[in-house]
Protein backbone atom coordinates (compact mmCIF):
# COMPACT_ATOMS: atom_id res chain seq x y z
CA MET A 1 0.00 0.00 0.00
CA ALA A 2 2.84 2.37 0.85
CA THR A 3 4.56 1.71 -2.49
CA ILE A 4 1.34 2.31 -4.43
CA HIS A 5 0.77 5.52 -2.47
CA GLU A 6 4.31 6.74 -3.27
CA ILE A 7 3.90 5.91 -6.96
CA LEU A 8 0.57 7.75 -7.16
CA THR A 9 1.95 10.73 -5.28
CA GLU A 10 4.96 10.96 -7.59
CA GLU A 11 2.68 10.64 -10.63
CA ARG A 12 0.49 13.48 -9.33
CA ARG A 13 3.56 15.66 -8.80
CA THR A 14 4.82 15.16 -12.33
CA ILE A 15 1.38 15.81 -13.79
CA SER A 16 0.96 19.00 -11.77
CA ARG A 17 4.45 20.18 -12.78
CA ARG A 18 3.66 19.57 -16.44
CA SER A 19 0.35 21.44 -16.17
CA LEU A 20 1.99 24.62 -14.93
CA PRO A 21 3.38 26.99 -17.57
CA ASP A 22 7.09 27.74 -17.64
CA LEU A 23 8.08 30.91 -15.83
CA ALA A 24 10.39 31.92 -18.62
CA PRO A 25 9.54 30.00 -21.78
CA GLY A 26 12.50 29.49 -24.03
CA ALA A 27 15.04 30.08 -21.26
CA SER A 28 17.26 27.29 -20.08
CA ALA A 29 16.93 26.05 -16.52
CA SER A 30 20.71 25.98 -16.01
CA HIS A 31 20.78 29.45 -14.44
CA LEU A 32 18.12 28.60 -11.84
CA VAL A 33 19.48 28.04 -8.34
CA ALA A 34 17.75 26.03 -5.65
CA ARG A 35 16.63 27.94 -2.59
CA PRO A 36 19.00 27.33 0.33
CA LYS A 37 17.62 25.39 3.25
CA ARG A 38 16.83 27.21 6.45
CA GLY A 39 19.48 27.15 9.07
CA ARG A 40 18.78 25.57 12.43
CA LYS A 41 18.26 28.97 14.06
CA ASN A 42 15.57 30.11 11.58
CA ALA A 43 13.84 26.74 11.63
CA THR A 44 13.54 26.75 15.43
CA LYS A 45 12.19 30.31 15.40
CA ALA A 46 9.52 29.36 12.85
CA ALA A 47 8.61 26.22 14.79
CA ALA A 48 8.37 28.12 18.08
CA LYS A 49 6.20 30.79 16.47
CA SER A 50 3.78 28.25 15.01
CA THR A 51 3.41 26.40 18.32
CA ARG A 52 2.93 29.67 20.17
CA THR A 53 0.09 30.78 17.91
CA SER A 54 -1.59 27.40 17.97
CA LYS A 55 -1.78 27.29 21.75
CA LEU A 56 -4.33 29.79 23.03
CA GLY A 57 -4.12 28.59 26.61
CA GLY A 58 -0.83 30.40 27.23
CA PHE A 59 -2.12 33.53 25.55
CA LEU A 60 -4.98 34.09 28.00
CA LYS A 61 -3.16 33.60 31.29
CA PRO A 62 -4.21 36.30 33.78
CA ALA A 63 -0.61 37.16 34.64
CA ASP A 64 0.26 37.76 30.97
CA VAL A 65 -2.83 39.88 30.42
CA MET A 66 -2.12 42.02 33.47
CA ALA A 67 1.53 42.44 32.47
CA ARG A 68 0.49 43.55 28.97
CA LEU A 69 -2.10 45.99 30.39
CA LYS A 70 0.47 47.51 32.75
CA ALA A 71 3.01 47.87 29.93
CA THR A 72 0.54 49.65 27.61
CA PRO A 73 0.74 53.45 27.87
CA VAL A 74 -2.65 55.03 28.59
CA LYS A 75 -3.64 57.88 26.28
CA PRO A 76 -6.70 60.17 26.33
CA HIS A 77 -8.44 58.35 23.50
CA HIS A 78 -8.24 55.13 25.55
CA ALA A 79 -10.22 56.84 28.30
CA PHE A 80 -12.79 58.03 25.76
CA TRP A 81 -13.32 54.50 24.41
CA LEU A 82 -13.46 53.07 27.94
CA VAL A 83 -16.17 55.57 28.93
CA THR A 84 -18.05 54.82 25.70
CA PHE A 85 -17.85 51.08 26.36
CA VAL A 86 -19.11 51.50 29.94
CA LEU A 87 -21.98 53.72 28.77
CA VAL A 88 -23.03 51.14 26.18
CA LEU A 89 -22.95 48.42 28.83
CA VAL A 90 -24.71 50.39 31.56
CA TRP A 91 -27.21 52.52 29.59
CA PRO A 92 -27.57 51.15 26.07
CA MET A 93 -30.90 52.91 25.52
CA LEU A 94 -29.36 56.27 26.46
CA VAL A 95 -26.64 55.78 23.85
CA LEU A 96 -29.14 54.72 21.18
CA ALA A 97 -31.49 57.60 22.00
CA THR A 98 -28.60 60.10 21.87
CA LEU A 99 -27.46 58.83 18.48
CA PHE A 100 -31.05 58.84 17.18
CA VAL A 101 -31.70 62.41 18.35
CA GLY A 102 -28.34 63.58 17.00
CA PHE A 103 -29.06 62.07 13.59
CA TRP A 104 -32.43 63.79 13.33
CA MET A 105 -31.00 67.11 14.52
CA VAL A 106 -28.49 67.02 11.67
CA VAL A 107 -31.13 66.02 9.10
CA LEU A 108 -33.60 68.70 10.25
CA GLY A 109 -30.82 71.30 10.51
CA ALA A 110 -29.82 70.62 6.90
CA ALA A 111 -33.47 70.73 5.79
CA ILE A 112 -34.34 73.93 7.64
CA PHE A 113 -31.16 75.99 7.51
CA GLY A 114 -29.52 74.58 4.37
CA LEU A 115 -26.27 72.87 3.61
CA GLU A 116 -24.16 76.04 3.58
CA TRP A 117 -25.15 76.82 7.15
CA MET A 118 -24.36 73.24 8.16
CA LYS A 119 -20.93 73.51 6.50
CA GLY A 120 -20.22 76.68 8.49
CA LEU A 121 -21.36 74.98 11.69
CA ARG A 122 -19.10 72.03 10.94
CA SER A 123 -16.09 74.28 10.34
CA LYS A 124 -16.77 76.16 13.62
CA ALA A 125 -17.04 72.87 15.50
CA PHE A 126 -13.76 71.65 14.04
CA ALA A 127 -12.08 74.96 14.90
CA THR A 128 -13.00 74.58 18.58
CA LEU A 129 -11.59 71.04 18.83
CA PRO A 130 -8.02 70.61 20.03
CA GLU A 131 -5.54 69.58 17.35
CA ILE A 132 -5.23 66.07 18.83
CA TRP A 133 -8.95 65.47 18.45
CA ALA A 134 -9.21 67.10 15.05
CA LEU A 135 -10.58 64.88 12.37
CA SER A 136 -9.29 65.00 8.86
CA ARG A 137 -9.76 68.54 7.57
CA ASP A 138 -9.98 67.23 4.01
CA LEU A 139 -13.54 66.03 4.25
CA PRO A 140 -15.47 65.72 1.01
CA PRO A 141 -17.90 68.52 0.22
CA LEU A 142 -21.50 68.13 1.35
CA THR A 143 -23.33 67.86 -1.94
CA LEU A 144 -26.45 65.96 -2.76
CA ARG A 145 -25.50 65.15 -6.35
CA ARG A 146 -22.15 64.29 -7.77
CA GLU A 147 -21.10 66.49 -10.66
CA ALA A 148 -20.50 64.69 -13.93
CA ASP A 149 -16.87 64.00 -14.75
CA PRO A 150 -15.62 65.47 -18.02
CA ASP A 151 -15.65 63.02 -20.92
CA PRO A 152 -12.04 61.86 -21.51
CA PHE A 153 -12.81 61.01 -25.16
CA GLU A 154 -14.40 64.36 -26.03
CA HIS A 155 -11.38 65.69 -27.93
CA LEU A 156 -10.84 62.45 -29.88
CA PRO A 157 -12.60 61.74 -33.20
CA ASP A 158 -15.58 59.41 -33.12
CA PRO A 159 -14.50 55.98 -34.46
CA PHE A 160 -18.05 55.14 -35.58
CA GLU A 161 -18.20 58.05 -38.04
CA ARG A 162 -16.02 56.01 -40.41
CA ILE A 163 -18.69 53.33 -40.64
CA SER A 164 -21.04 54.02 -43.51
CA PRO A 165 -24.46 52.41 -43.78
CA GLU A 166 -23.78 51.47 -47.43
CA PRO A 167 -21.28 48.71 -48.26
CA GLN A 168 -18.18 49.85 -50.15
């Protein structure tokens, strides 16, 4: 059984090699060099990395998690996301109601006061934010319809004008 398996495996390998196109047709294979084998040091690193990622038990040890949390520097945006997470957990309806009311305030503001007024309000709001909190200043313009792009073939002659309805 083992011999038959080896023969079939070798046959499959040769068939699959023949089915692939040459990388450089017409070039001789004499200049191709085999890839060097990994050294012992690289092979052990790769093996250790694969076993480390496959074992999740060591990843979730409480001591490791606490050590990683202590080593992570705390920044202001971390506090913002922590407060947001706690609010969603404690008062989810308050968060949903706030988002719902905020959405409708923006929609009604745009409907009542117009888009130009909303753009001015947005620029004033961005001006009051500290530079760290500032969002990208290159926001797309608030337009309802996209303007048509210029036709790139406008200056070229029409290729169908050469076609005549009568045979020549």
